[in-house]
Protein backbone atom coordinates (compact mmCIF):
# COMPACT_ATOMS: atom_id res chain seq x y z
CA MET A 1 53.19 -46.41 93.30
CA THR A 2 53.38 -43.12 95.10
CA TRP A 3 51.25 -40.23 93.92
CA GLN A 4 51.48 -36.54 94.64
CA PRO A 5 48.76 -33.96 93.96
CA VAL A 6 49.67 -31.40 91.31
CA GLY A 7 47.16 -28.67 90.57
CA GLY A 8 44.19 -30.80 91.53
CA TRP A 9 45.44 -33.75 89.48
CA LEU A 10 47.48 -36.81 90.42
CA ARG A 11 51.03 -37.18 89.13
CA PRO A 12 53.17 -40.27 89.74
CA ARG A 13 56.34 -39.37 91.65
CA THR A 14 58.09 -42.00 89.59
CA LEU A 15 57.15 -44.93 87.45
CA ALA A 16 60.57 -46.27 87.10
CA LEU A 17 59.01 -47.73 90.22
CA SER A 18 59.60 -51.23 88.98
CA GLY A 19 57.87 -54.06 87.33
CA LEU A 20 58.05 -55.91 90.64
CA SER A 21 55.91 -53.32 92.35
CA LEU A 22 53.48 -53.13 89.43
CA GLY A 23 53.32 -56.91 89.10
CA LEU A 24 52.43 -57.35 92.75
CA THR A 25 50.03 -54.43 92.50
CA VAL A 26 48.27 -56.17 89.63
CA LEU A 27 47.79 -59.15 91.90
CA SER A 28 46.72 -57.03 94.85
CA GLY A 29 44.34 -54.88 92.89
CA LEU A 30 42.65 -57.84 91.24
CA PRO A 31 41.45 -60.38 93.79
CA VAL A 32 43.27 -63.56 92.71
CA GLN A 33 45.41 -71.87 94.87
CA ALA A 34 48.76 -72.88 95.68
CA ALA A 35 51.56 -71.35 93.67
CA GLU A 36 54.91 -71.68 95.39
CA ALA A 37 56.53 -68.81 93.56
CA ILE A 38 56.15 -66.05 91.03
CA PHE A 39 58.95 -65.84 88.49
CA PHE A 40 60.12 -62.35 87.54
CA SER A 41 62.19 -61.81 84.42
CA TYR A 42 64.27 -58.70 83.89
CA GLY A 43 66.03 -58.85 80.54
CA PRO A 44 68.09 -62.06 80.57
CA VAL A 45 67.73 -62.43 84.36
CA GLU A 46 64.97 -64.63 85.76
CA ARG A 47 64.55 -65.41 89.43
CA ALA A 48 61.65 -66.58 91.54
CA VAL A 49 60.08 -64.81 94.49
CA SER A 50 58.50 -67.43 96.76
CA THR A 51 55.12 -67.02 98.37
CA SER A 52 56.80 -67.57 101.75
CA SER A 53 59.07 -64.57 101.11
CA LEU A 54 56.06 -62.34 100.64
CA GLU A 55 54.56 -63.73 103.85
CA THR A 56 57.81 -62.99 105.70
CA LEU A 57 57.72 -59.40 104.46
CA ILE A 58 54.16 -59.03 105.72
CA GLU A 59 54.82 -60.59 109.14
CA SER A 60 58.17 -59.06 110.05
CA GLY A 61 59.14 -56.56 107.38
CA GLU A 62 62.24 -58.67 106.63
CA LEU A 63 63.45 -58.98 103.06
CA THR A 64 64.58 -62.48 102.14
CA ASP A 65 67.30 -62.82 99.51
CA ASP A 66 65.00 -63.57 96.58
CA LEU A 67 62.74 -60.59 97.25
CA ALA A 68 65.64 -58.29 98.15
CA PHE A 69 67.27 -59.06 94.79
CA TYR A 70 64.40 -57.52 92.85
CA ILE A 71 63.80 -54.74 95.36
CA ASN A 72 67.37 -53.61 94.81
CA LEU A 73 67.28 -54.26 91.07
CA VAL A 74 64.40 -51.91 90.47
CA GLY A 75 65.34 -49.45 93.19
CA LEU A 76 62.38 -49.34 95.53
CA SER A 77 62.82 -46.95 98.42
CA GLU A 78 62.17 -47.91 102.06
CA ALA A 79 58.89 -46.03 101.94
CA GLU A 80 57.82 -47.90 98.81
CA VAL A 81 58.72 -51.25 100.37
CA ALA A 82 56.66 -50.30 103.42
CA GLN A 83 53.76 -49.39 101.14
CA LEU A 84 54.15 -52.72 99.32
CA ARG A 85 54.08 -54.58 102.65
CA GLN A 86 50.90 -52.81 103.65
CA ASN A 87 49.19 -53.38 100.32
CA LEU A 88 49.95 -57.10 100.26
CA ASP A 89 47.87 -57.79 103.36
CA ARG A 90 45.20 -55.11 102.99
CA PRO A 91 41.74 -56.75 102.93
CA LEU A 92 39.12 -55.75 100.40
CA GLU A 93 35.43 -56.26 100.97
CA VAL A 94 34.21 -58.12 97.89
CA ASP A 95 31.23 -60.41 97.41
CA GLY A 96 32.87 -63.55 96.04
CA VAL A 97 29.73 -64.78 94.29
CA LEU A 98 29.22 -61.48 92.48
CA LEU A 99 32.90 -61.33 91.57
CA SER A 100 32.65 -64.82 90.11
CA ARG A 101 29.66 -63.84 88.02
CA PHE A 102 31.37 -60.68 86.81
CA LEU A 103 34.52 -62.52 85.75
CA TYR A 104 32.42 -64.68 83.43
CA THR A 105 30.78 -61.70 81.73
CA SER A 106 32.17 -60.46 78.45
CA VAL A 107 33.60 -57.35 80.09
CA GLY A 108 35.13 -59.38 82.92
CA GLU A 109 36.72 -61.82 80.49
CA GLU A 110 38.17 -58.98 78.44
CA LEU A 111 39.68 -57.42 81.55
CA LEU A 112 41.20 -60.76 82.58
CA ASP A 113 42.60 -61.24 79.10
CA GLN A 114 44.28 -57.86 79.27
CA VAL A 115 45.88 -58.49 82.68
CA GLY A 116 46.81 -62.02 81.61
CA VAL A 117 49.15 -60.53 79.01
CA ILE A 118 51.38 -59.43 81.90
CA LEU A 119 50.67 -62.24 84.38
CA LYS A 120 51.56 -65.31 82.30
CA THR A 121 51.81 -69.05 82.84
CA ARG A 122 55.29 -70.55 83.12
CA ALA A 123 54.81 -71.81 79.55
CA GLY A 124 54.37 -68.21 78.44
CA GLY A 125 50.63 -68.32 77.76
CA ASN A 126 48.08 -65.75 78.78
CA GLY A 127 47.38 -66.29 82.48
CA LYS A 128 43.75 -65.21 82.49
CA LEU A 129 42.26 -68.61 83.36
CA SER A 130 44.55 -69.16 86.34
CA LEU A 131 43.94 -65.59 87.38
CA ARG A 132 40.19 -66.03 87.26
CA ALA A 133 40.34 -69.25 89.28
CA ALA A 134 42.53 -67.55 91.87
CA LEU A 135 40.40 -64.45 92.06
CA ILE A 136 37.29 -66.50 92.77
CA GLN A 137 39.01 -68.77 95.30
CA ALA A 138 40.51 -65.86 97.20
CA ALA A 139 37.32 -63.84 97.29
CA THR A 140 35.23 -66.78 98.53
CA SER A 141 37.75 -68.05 101.11
CA PRO A 142 37.34 -67.42 104.87
CA GLU A 143 40.43 -65.18 104.78
CA GLY A 144 38.83 -62.97 102.17
CA LEU A 145 40.39 -60.96 99.40
CA SER A 146 43.88 -59.57 99.83
CA ALA A 147 46.96 -59.52 97.64
CA ILE A 148 48.75 -62.25 99.58
CA ASN A 149 45.66 -64.45 99.52
CA VAL A 150 45.48 -63.89 95.78
CA VAL A 151 49.05 -65.14 95.42
CA ARG A 152 48.34 -68.12 97.70
CA SER A 153 45.30 -68.96 95.58
CA LEU A 154 47.07 -69.11 92.23
CA PRO A 155 46.77 -72.72 90.98
CA THR A 156 50.23 -72.77 89.45
CA ASP A 157 53.47 -70.84 89.37
CA MET A 158 53.22 -67.73 87.21
CA GLN A 159 55.67 -65.37 85.57
CA ILE A 160 55.81 -61.61 85.11
CA SER A 161 58.14 -59.72 82.81
CA ILE A 162 59.33 -56.63 84.63
CA ASN A 163 60.05 -54.99 81.29
CA ASP A 164 56.46 -55.56 80.20
CA ALA A 165 55.14 -54.26 83.49
CA GLN A 166 57.34 -51.18 83.23
CA ALA A 167 56.06 -50.54 79.69
CA VAL A 168 52.49 -50.48 80.94
CA ALA A 169 53.47 -48.38 83.96
CA SER A 170 55.22 -45.91 81.68
CA ALA A 171 52.08 -45.67 79.54
CA VAL A 172 50.02 -44.93 82.63
CA GLU A 173 52.47 -42.20 83.61
CA ARG A 174 52.23 -40.62 80.17
CA ILE A 175 48.42 -40.63 80.40
CA VAL A 176 48.55 -38.81 83.74
CA ASN A 177 51.13 -36.33 82.47
CA ALA A 178 49.21 -35.78 79.24
CA THR A 179 46.04 -35.07 81.17
CA THR A 180 47.87 -32.49 83.28
CA ASP A 181 49.39 -30.91 80.16
CA SER A 182 45.99 -30.78 78.46
CA ILE A 183 44.44 -29.03 81.45
CA VAL A 184 47.22 -26.44 81.34
CA GLN A 185 46.56 -25.96 77.62
CA LEU A 186 42.85 -25.60 78.27
CA GLU A 187 43.47 -22.97 80.93
CA GLN A 188 45.73 -21.00 78.59
CA ILE A 189 43.18 -21.07 75.77
CA THR A 190 40.45 -20.02 78.20
CA VAL A 191 42.44 -16.96 79.25
CA SER A 192 43.30 -16.12 75.64
CA GLN A 193 39.71 -16.41 74.42
CA ALA A 194 38.41 -14.31 77.29
CA ALA A 195 40.94 -11.58 76.50
CA GLN A 196 39.74 -11.35 72.90
CA GLN A 197 36.15 -10.56 73.93
CA PRO A 198 34.63 -7.51 75.60
CA PRO A 199 34.66 -8.03 79.38
CA ILE A 200 31.38 -9.01 81.02
CA ASP A 201 30.45 -8.19 84.60
CA TYR A 202 28.67 -11.42 85.49
CA ALA A 203 27.96 -10.14 88.97
CA ASN A 204 25.36 -7.84 87.40
CA LEU A 205 23.74 -10.60 85.33
CA ALA A 206 21.29 -13.29 86.42
CA ASP A 207 22.91 -15.96 88.59
CA LEU A 208 22.47 -19.28 86.78
CA THR A 209 23.52 -21.27 89.83
CA VAL A 210 20.42 -20.39 91.86
CA PRO A 211 16.97 -21.91 91.28
CA GLY A 212 14.51 -20.03 89.12
CA PRO A 213 11.09 -18.73 90.24
CA ALA A 214 9.00 -21.68 89.04
CA ARG A 215 7.83 -24.42 91.38
CA VAL A 216 8.73 -27.89 90.12
CA GLN A 217 6.89 -31.17 89.89
CA ILE A 218 7.93 -34.64 88.72
CA GLN A 219 5.58 -36.89 86.81
CA ARG A 220 6.32 -40.54 86.06
CA PHE A 221 4.93 -42.32 83.02
CA GLU A 222 5.09 -46.09 82.51
CA LEU A 223 5.54 -46.79 78.81
CA THR A 224 5.45 -49.87 76.59
CA ASP A 225 6.98 -49.97 73.14
CA THR A 226 4.94 -52.58 71.32
CA GLN A 227 7.22 -52.36 68.29
CA ARG A 228 10.22 -53.80 70.15
CA ASP A 229 11.02 -56.80 72.31
CA GLY A 230 12.96 -56.06 75.45
CA GLN A 231 13.27 -56.12 79.22
CA GLY A 232 10.25 -55.81 81.43
CA PRO A 233 7.06 -57.68 82.28
CA ALA A 234 4.94 -56.16 79.55
CA PRO A 235 2.62 -58.61 77.76
CA GLY A 236 4.23 -60.17 74.72
CA GLY A 237 7.72 -59.33 75.92
CA HIS A 238 7.63 -55.79 74.53
CA ARG A 239 10.14 -53.25 75.78
CA GLN A 240 8.84 -51.56 78.89
CA LEU A 241 10.36 -48.49 80.49
CA TYR A 242 9.42 -45.43 82.48
CA MET A 243 10.22 -41.78 82.05
CA ASP A 244 10.29 -39.03 84.65
CA VAL A 245 9.15 -35.65 83.36
CA VAL A 246 10.56 -32.83 85.51
CA ARG A 247 8.56 -29.68 84.74
CA PRO A 248 7.42 -26.33 86.08
CA ARG A 249 4.03 -26.54 87.82
CA GLN A 250 2.68 -23.50 85.97
CA TRP A 251 3.06 -23.05 82.23
CA ARG A 252 4.30 -19.83 80.68
CA GLY A 253 3.90 -20.22 76.95
CA GLN A 254 5.55 -23.03 75.05
CA ALA A 255 8.11 -24.96 77.12
CA PRO A 256 11.49 -26.01 75.71
CA VAL A 257 12.26 -29.72 76.19
CA VAL A 258 15.52 -31.59 76.78
CA VAL A 259 15.78 -35.39 77.06
CA PHE A 260 18.69 -36.64 79.20
CA SER A 261 19.95 -40.24 79.03
CA HIS A 262 21.40 -41.82 82.18
CA GLY A 263 24.71 -43.68 82.32
CA LEU A 264 25.45 -47.39 82.60
CA THR A 265 24.06 -48.90 85.87
CA SER A 266 22.33 -45.62 86.71
CA ARG A 267 18.69 -44.53 86.65
CA PRO A 268 16.61 -41.43 85.88
CA GLU A 269 16.36 -40.44 89.56
CA ALA A 270 20.10 -39.70 89.59
CA ARG A 271 19.42 -36.51 87.60
CA HIS A 272 16.37 -35.24 89.48
CA GLN A 273 18.32 -32.46 91.22
CA TRP A 274 19.89 -31.14 88.04
CA ALA A 275 16.63 -31.48 86.11
CA SER A 276 14.74 -29.64 88.86
CA HIS A 277 17.17 -26.73 88.56
CA LEU A 278 16.43 -26.40 84.84
CA ALA A 279 12.69 -26.88 85.40
CA SER A 280 12.66 -24.02 87.91
CA HIS A 281 13.80 -21.85 85.00
CA GLY A 282 10.96 -23.03 82.76
CA ILE A 283 12.66 -25.94 80.96
CA VAL A 284 11.07 -29.41 80.82
CA VAL A 285 13.59 -32.21 81.39
CA VAL A 286 12.64 -35.75 80.40
CA LEU A 287 14.59 -38.58 82.01
CA PRO A 288 13.98 -41.98 80.38
CA GLN A 289 14.93 -45.35 81.84
CA HIS A 290 17.05 -47.69 79.69
CA PRO A 291 16.28 -51.29 80.69
CA GLY A 292 19.25 -53.56 80.07
CA SER A 293 21.85 -50.99 81.15
CA ASP A 294 20.34 -49.39 84.24
CA ALA A 295 20.42 -49.92 88.00
CA GLN A 296 17.72 -52.61 87.76
CA GLN A 297 19.91 -54.57 85.35
CA VAL A 298 22.68 -54.54 87.96
CA ALA A 299 20.22 -55.61 90.67
CA ASP A 300 19.08 -58.49 88.46
CA PHE A 301 22.72 -59.46 87.88
CA GLN A 302 23.39 -59.41 91.62
CA ALA A 303 20.31 -61.55 92.24
CA GLY A 304 21.39 -64.07 89.60
CA LEU A 305 18.48 -63.17 87.32
CA SER A 306 20.72 -61.87 84.54
CA SER A 307 24.02 -63.17 83.19
CA ASP A 308 25.51 -59.76 82.51
CA VAL A 309 25.57 -56.23 83.88
CA PHE A 310 25.00 -54.87 80.40
CA GLU A 311 23.05 -56.07 77.38
CA VAL A 312 24.92 -55.46 74.11
CA GLN A 313 21.59 -54.77 72.42
CA GLU A 314 21.56 -51.53 74.44
CA PHE A 315 23.78 -49.92 71.80
CA ILE A 316 20.71 -50.19 69.58
CA ASP A 317 17.88 -49.93 72.10
CA ARG A 318 19.10 -46.81 73.88
CA PRO A 319 18.87 -44.48 70.85
CA LEU A 320 15.56 -46.08 69.93
CA ASP A 321 14.37 -45.32 73.48
CA ILE A 322 14.95 -41.60 72.87
CA THR A 323 12.94 -41.58 69.66
CA PHE A 324 10.21 -43.66 71.30
CA VAL A 325 10.04 -41.25 74.23
CA LEU A 326 9.76 -38.25 71.90
CA ASN A 327 6.92 -39.99 70.05
CA GLU A 328 5.20 -40.67 73.37
CA LEU A 329 5.59 -37.05 74.42
CA GLU A 330 3.90 -35.96 71.22
CA ARG A 331 1.06 -38.37 71.96
CA LEU A 332 0.72 -37.20 75.58
CA ASN A 333 1.24 -33.50 74.92
CA PRO A 334 -2.41 -32.50 74.32
CA THR A 335 -3.82 -34.40 77.33
CA GLU A 336 -1.06 -34.38 79.94
CA PHE A 337 0.79 -31.13 79.21
CA GLU A 338 -1.91 -28.86 77.76
CA GLY A 339 -0.06 -28.88 74.44
CA ARG A 340 2.73 -26.79 76.02
CA LEU A 341 5.72 -28.98 75.08
CA LYS A 342 7.73 -27.66 72.14
CA LEU A 343 8.78 -30.90 70.51
CA ASP A 344 9.86 -29.95 67.02
CA GLN A 345 13.30 -28.86 68.27
CA VAL A 346 14.46 -30.58 71.44
CA GLY A 347 17.78 -30.86 73.19
CA VAL A 348 19.20 -34.25 74.06
CA GLY A 349 21.90 -34.97 76.60
CA GLY A 350 23.52 -37.86 78.35
CA HIS A 351 26.07 -38.98 80.91
CA SER A 352 28.72 -41.60 80.05
CA LEU A 353 26.93 -44.30 78.01
CA GLY A 354 24.10 -41.79 77.85
CA GLY A 355 26.54 -39.57 75.94
CA TYR A 356 26.81 -42.29 73.30
CA THR A 357 23.01 -42.43 73.26
CA ALA A 358 22.62 -38.69 72.76
CA LEU A 359 25.23 -38.57 69.99
CA ALA A 360 23.56 -41.46 68.16
CA VAL A 361 20.20 -39.68 67.94
CA ALA A 362 22.04 -36.49 66.93
CA GLY A 363 23.47 -38.24 63.87
CA ALA A 364 26.72 -39.94 64.95
CA GLU A 365 27.15 -43.36 63.35
CA ILE A 366 28.94 -46.44 64.70
CA ASN A 367 32.20 -46.99 62.81
CA PHE A 368 32.88 -50.72 63.14
CA ASP A 369 36.15 -50.63 61.19
CA HIS A 370 37.60 -47.96 63.46
CA LEU A 371 36.31 -49.73 66.58
CA GLN A 372 37.80 -53.07 65.49
CA GLU A 373 41.18 -51.47 64.89
CA VAL A 374 41.23 -49.90 68.34
CA CYS A 375 39.95 -53.00 70.13
CA ASP A 376 42.64 -55.18 68.51
CA ARG A 377 45.34 -53.21 70.31
CA ASN A 378 47.04 -54.36 73.49
CA PHE A 379 46.01 -52.90 76.83
CA ILE A 380 42.81 -51.20 75.81
CA TYR A 381 42.11 -50.86 79.55
CA LEU A 382 44.43 -47.85 79.56
CA ASN A 383 41.18 -46.25 78.35
CA THR A 384 38.72 -48.04 80.65
CA SER A 385 35.69 -47.10 78.58
CA LEU A 386 36.93 -49.32 75.75
CA LEU A 387 36.00 -52.36 77.80
CA LEU A 388 32.44 -51.19 77.15
CA GLN A 389 32.80 -49.74 73.67
CA CYS A 390 34.44 -52.89 72.30
CA GLN A 391 31.36 -54.92 73.26
CA ALA A 392 29.58 -53.27 70.33
CA LEU A 393 31.62 -55.51 68.01
CA GLU A 394 29.22 -58.31 68.99
CA LEU A 395 26.43 -56.53 67.13
CA PRO A 396 25.60 -57.34 63.51
CA GLN A 397 28.04 -55.04 61.72
CA GLU A 398 25.68 -53.10 59.53
CA THR A 399 24.89 -49.42 59.14
CA TYR A 400 22.82 -48.07 62.01
CA ARG A 401 21.16 -44.70 61.57
CA PHE A 402 19.47 -43.42 64.71
CA ARG A 403 19.34 -39.71 63.91
CA ASP A 404 16.12 -38.05 65.01
CA PRO A 405 15.42 -34.79 63.12
CA ARG A 406 13.77 -33.27 66.19
CA VAL A 407 17.14 -33.11 68.01
CA ASN A 408 18.66 -29.64 67.71
CA SER A 409 21.55 -29.73 70.25
CA VAL A 410 23.60 -32.16 72.35
CA LEU A 411 24.82 -31.82 75.96
CA LEU A 412 27.41 -34.46 76.87
CA VAL A 413 28.75 -35.24 80.36
CA ASN A 414 31.75 -37.63 80.50
CA PRO A 415 30.59 -39.19 77.22
CA VAL A 416 31.60 -42.62 75.91
CA ASN A 417 32.30 -41.86 72.25
CA SER A 418 35.86 -41.99 70.93
CA SER A 419 36.28 -45.42 69.37
CA ILE A 420 32.71 -46.51 68.76
CA PHE A 421 32.17 -43.49 66.51
CA GLY A 422 35.67 -42.36 65.57
CA PRO A 423 36.37 -39.11 63.69
CA GLU A 424 34.03 -39.93 60.80
CA GLY A 425 31.13 -40.88 63.03
CA LEU A 426 31.35 -37.73 65.17
CA ALA A 427 31.79 -35.48 62.14
CA ALA A 428 28.25 -36.44 61.14
CA VAL A 429 26.87 -34.47 64.12
CA LYS A 430 25.70 -31.14 62.74
CA VAL A 431 23.97 -29.57 65.75
CA PRO A 432 25.52 -27.49 68.60
CA VAL A 433 27.47 -29.58 71.09
CA MET A 434 28.70 -29.01 74.64
CA VAL A 435 31.15 -31.53 76.10
CA ILE A 436 31.78 -31.59 79.86
CA ALA A 437 34.76 -33.58 81.17
CA GLY A 438 36.21 -34.35 84.59
CA SER A 439 39.90 -34.22 85.45
CA HIS A 440 39.70 -37.28 87.73
CA ASP A 441 37.54 -39.51 85.52
CA PRO A 442 38.88 -43.11 85.50
CA ALA A 443 35.95 -44.50 83.49
CA THR A 444 35.99 -42.17 80.46
CA PRO A 445 39.40 -40.48 80.76
CA ALA A 446 39.20 -36.93 79.49
CA VAL A 447 42.38 -37.11 77.46
CA PHE A 448 40.97 -40.04 75.45
CA GLU A 449 37.22 -39.46 75.43
CA GLN A 450 36.67 -35.69 75.52
CA PHE A 451 39.82 -33.65 74.75
CA ARG A 452 40.79 -35.76 71.74
CA THR A 453 37.30 -36.11 70.28
CA PHE A 454 36.40 -32.43 70.66
CA LEU A 455 38.52 -31.72 67.58
CA TRP A 456 36.58 -34.31 65.56
CA TYR A 457 33.28 -32.43 65.63
CA THR A 458 32.65 -30.24 62.62
CA THR A 459 29.64 -28.31 63.91
CA GLU A 460 30.39 -24.61 64.27
CA ASN A 461 28.89 -24.15 67.73
CA ARG A 462 30.65 -26.37 70.22
CA SER A 463 32.07 -25.86 73.68
CA LEU A 464 34.40 -27.92 75.87
CA ALA A 465 34.32 -27.59 79.65
CA LEU A 466 36.50 -29.31 82.24
CA ILE A 467 35.66 -29.60 85.94
CA GLU A 468 38.69 -30.17 88.14
CA GLY A 469 38.16 -32.90 90.72
CA GLN A 470 35.18 -34.43 88.93
CA ALA A 471 35.40 -38.23 88.84
CA HIS A 472 32.66 -39.45 86.49
CA ILE A 473 30.20 -40.19 89.32
CA ASP A 474 29.46 -38.84 92.78
CA PHE A 475 31.66 -41.08 94.93
CA SER A 476 29.90 -39.86 98.07
CA ALA A 477 26.89 -41.90 96.99
CA LEU A 478 28.81 -45.16 96.75
CA ASP A 479 28.56 -47.99 99.25
CA ALA A 480 30.73 -47.67 102.32
CA GLY A 481 33.13 -50.40 101.27
CA LEU A 482 34.11 -48.77 97.97
CA SER A 483 34.10 -45.30 99.48
CA HIS A 484 36.51 -46.53 102.15
CA LEU A 485 38.76 -48.08 99.53
CA LEU A 486 38.89 -44.85 97.54
CA SER A 487 39.68 -42.87 100.66
CA THR A 488 42.84 -44.94 101.14
CA LEU A 489 44.32 -43.91 97.80
CA PRO A 490 47.17 -41.48 98.52
CA GLY A 491 46.81 -38.03 97.02
CA LEU A 492 43.30 -38.60 95.71
CA THR A 493 41.20 -35.53 96.47
CA LEU A 494 37.90 -34.84 94.75
CA ALA A 495 35.71 -31.79 94.48
CA GLU A 496 32.74 -31.64 96.80
CA PRO A 497 29.48 -32.73 95.14
CA GLU A 498 27.98 -29.32 95.87
CA VAL A 499 30.71 -27.62 93.81
CA ILE A 500 30.22 -29.97 90.87
CA ASP A 501 26.43 -29.53 91.06
CA ARG A 502 26.88 -25.76 90.97
CA TYR A 503 28.99 -25.94 87.81
CA MET A 504 26.64 -28.46 86.19
CA ASN A 505 23.55 -26.41 87.00
CA ALA A 506 25.01 -23.29 85.43
CA LEU A 507 26.49 -24.94 82.34
CA GLY A 508 23.39 -27.00 81.66
CA LEU A 509 21.07 -24.01 81.99
CA ALA A 510 23.31 -21.84 79.80
CA PHE A 511 23.56 -24.38 76.99
CA VAL A 512 19.92 -25.47 77.02
CA GLY A 513 18.76 -21.88 77.41
CA ARG A 514 20.76 -20.78 74.38
CA TYR A 515 20.09 -23.61 71.96
CA VAL A 516 16.83 -25.26 73.09
CA ALA A 517 14.97 -22.28 74.55
CA ARG A 518 16.65 -20.17 71.85
CA ARG A 519 17.30 -17.20 74.11
CA PRO A 520 20.44 -15.41 72.83
CA GLU A 521 21.20 -13.81 76.23
CA TYR A 522 22.25 -17.22 77.54
CA GLY A 523 25.09 -17.18 75.03
CA LEU A 524 26.92 -14.73 77.29
CA TYR A 525 27.39 -17.56 79.78
CA LEU A 526 28.97 -19.81 77.17
CA ARG A 527 31.93 -17.50 76.71
CA SER A 528 35.38 -18.12 78.10
CA GLY A 529 35.51 -15.90 81.16
CA TYR A 530 32.29 -17.15 82.73
CA ASP A 531 34.21 -20.22 83.87
CA SER A 532 36.72 -18.16 85.85
CA TYR A 533 33.91 -16.08 87.35
CA LEU A 534 31.98 -19.18 88.35
CA SER A 535 34.97 -20.89 89.95
CA GLN A 536 36.60 -17.91 91.63
CA GLY A 537 37.75 -18.83 95.12
CA GLU A 538 37.24 -22.54 94.50
CA PRO A 539 40.18 -24.98 94.84
CA PHE A 540 38.71 -27.03 92.00
CA ARG A 541 38.21 -24.83 89.00
CA LEU A 542 36.13 -24.84 85.85
CA PHE A 543 37.61 -24.20 82.41
CA MET A 544 35.60 -23.65 79.23
CA VAL A 545 36.60 -22.97 75.63
CA ASN A 546 34.69 -22.64 72.38
CA ALA A 547 35.59 -24.02 68.97
CA GLY A 548 37.79 -21.88 66.77
CA ALA A 549 41.15 -21.73 65.05
CA GLU A 550 42.89 -21.13 68.38
CA VAL A 551 41.53 -24.34 69.84
CA GLU A 552 42.39 -26.31 66.71
CA GLN A 553 45.97 -25.06 66.86
CA GLN A 554 46.64 -25.15 70.59
CA LEU A 555 44.59 -28.01 72.00
CA ILE A 556 47.05 -30.53 70.61
CA ASN A 557 46.48 -34.08 71.70
CA PRO A 558 49.62 -35.08 73.62
CA LEU A 559 48.75 -38.78 73.46
CA ASP A 560 49.44 -39.64 69.84
CA GLU A 561 52.06 -42.20 70.79
CA LEU A 562 49.67 -43.88 73.21
CA LEU A 563 47.04 -44.24 70.54
CA GLN A 564 49.29 -46.67 68.70
CA PRO A 565 49.43 -50.36 69.71
CA LEU A 566 51.45 -50.79 72.90
CA GLU A 567 54.24 -53.21 72.04
CA LEU A 568 55.65 -55.15 74.95
CA PRO A 569 59.41 -55.75 75.16
CA SER A 570 58.85 -59.50 75.56
CA GLY A 571 57.24 -59.74 72.12
CA GLU A 572 54.71 -62.52 71.64
CA LEU A 573 51.76 -62.44 73.97
CA GLY A 574 51.08 -66.17 73.93
CA GLU A 575 47.81 -68.02 73.90
CA PRO A 576 45.48 -68.60 76.87
CA GLU A 577 46.07 -71.77 78.80
CA GLU A 578 43.77 -74.68 78.01
CA SER A 579 42.22 -75.16 81.44
CA GLU A 580 42.05 -73.37 84.74
CA GLU A 581 41.35 -76.13 87.23
């Protein structure tokens, strides 16, 4: 697939680019014993492409008759064939043992099941078991993980419907196009809203992107919740966690407090910079650890000490962590903070899974019926975050109410929220909300998780911001292997971390200052128009709109058709094969 940058986003040049290309890309992108051929069906036509033909393409660039038939049938250009040749033999650095463990987790099995709908056995069953066996064999072999080694490692001949593959590819194209269209809509609404308000000369106002006058300190507190069992070495198996309190060194009256929940596989330290910016302006930021879904959980998984990268109980424990931390802050306030913490009305925020956490304590309720309906659809991985959200179906399906009355506002960054709460669950949030999305977010795609759900909130005060070039996490902090892989993706350009930090610092301070510190002057920075001022001269821009009739009418979700079950042309999906070895 060839991508071209359009306005900071990625648009496929064409996705009539064939089921053959997508089918082989599925195999190359997912590290997959001794299949002699892969059978491709295209309508009534079915022909095999032998493993040796793929090897010939890699070694000499020559197209044998069987491969040439499909290349011509789907119309791949010379450049696309050259790209296919390169991708087939491109090695990927993957720890085979860790990959094996992941593929036996609930999330890994769900992902395999989804791909196995396209990559089937010759009998027409879901190919996930053969795919898993091949992935593990390829990744642990001396040759390492590459597309061709994946094909060599398949234990049996497999089949791919080009029509099915094209249906998925077309859906991906519509997601990309819909994201681009939504960004254009957002920009238009931003301009319109700004024009309806008196102009503001932000150059003559305080600069929210620069640190405030207060010196900052970070205090860590080790906590034990004796009312809950959980991760950690605390006596009796009680839930043990720590919290980092980022605060100004000198107190000036009562200090507003915001609690920010980290994302899946992350940790409190990841938000120290942002929290320090707010603390320099007099705001106390509390960063709790969530055992069972943090970086330590991943380390335990890598060391073989845990069977999963995520504990499903975290959907319950995370919101309870926030309430527990607020209770602990009340207990510690007189002795550790001179009674300066204002804890009757606090802000709560979160990134990714932390967004779910923040919404839960703000009143959003899990809607199991809605979640089941969404998770029963084909190809939920078109919205990657559903691989996580659907795990909540393993919980006892009862009513969970996590709302904490001390929470007076919610700040969400790339939140996981659409299907686990649904429209009814999010409508229960009655406090001010700010939602921040990224245009390049593959984990919680904006068009599914932020643009669409913004219209479901009923609270009067809510804002939606989009950062162009933001990709859910700071890729510059990733390990060299994954960073190198991302750098090879054509057309993928991301905003510099410093630019994203600048936007996040300003938006976070404006929202918390207005609704937690209750200083009306910060409301000036929440108007449409501040975004264009803040991003002037930047290649990756910031857009921000506020709720109103104009947003309800113009921010139309262009993905309605994608929200319905994706029906494959081949019809029945088939059952998984009985064994994989």
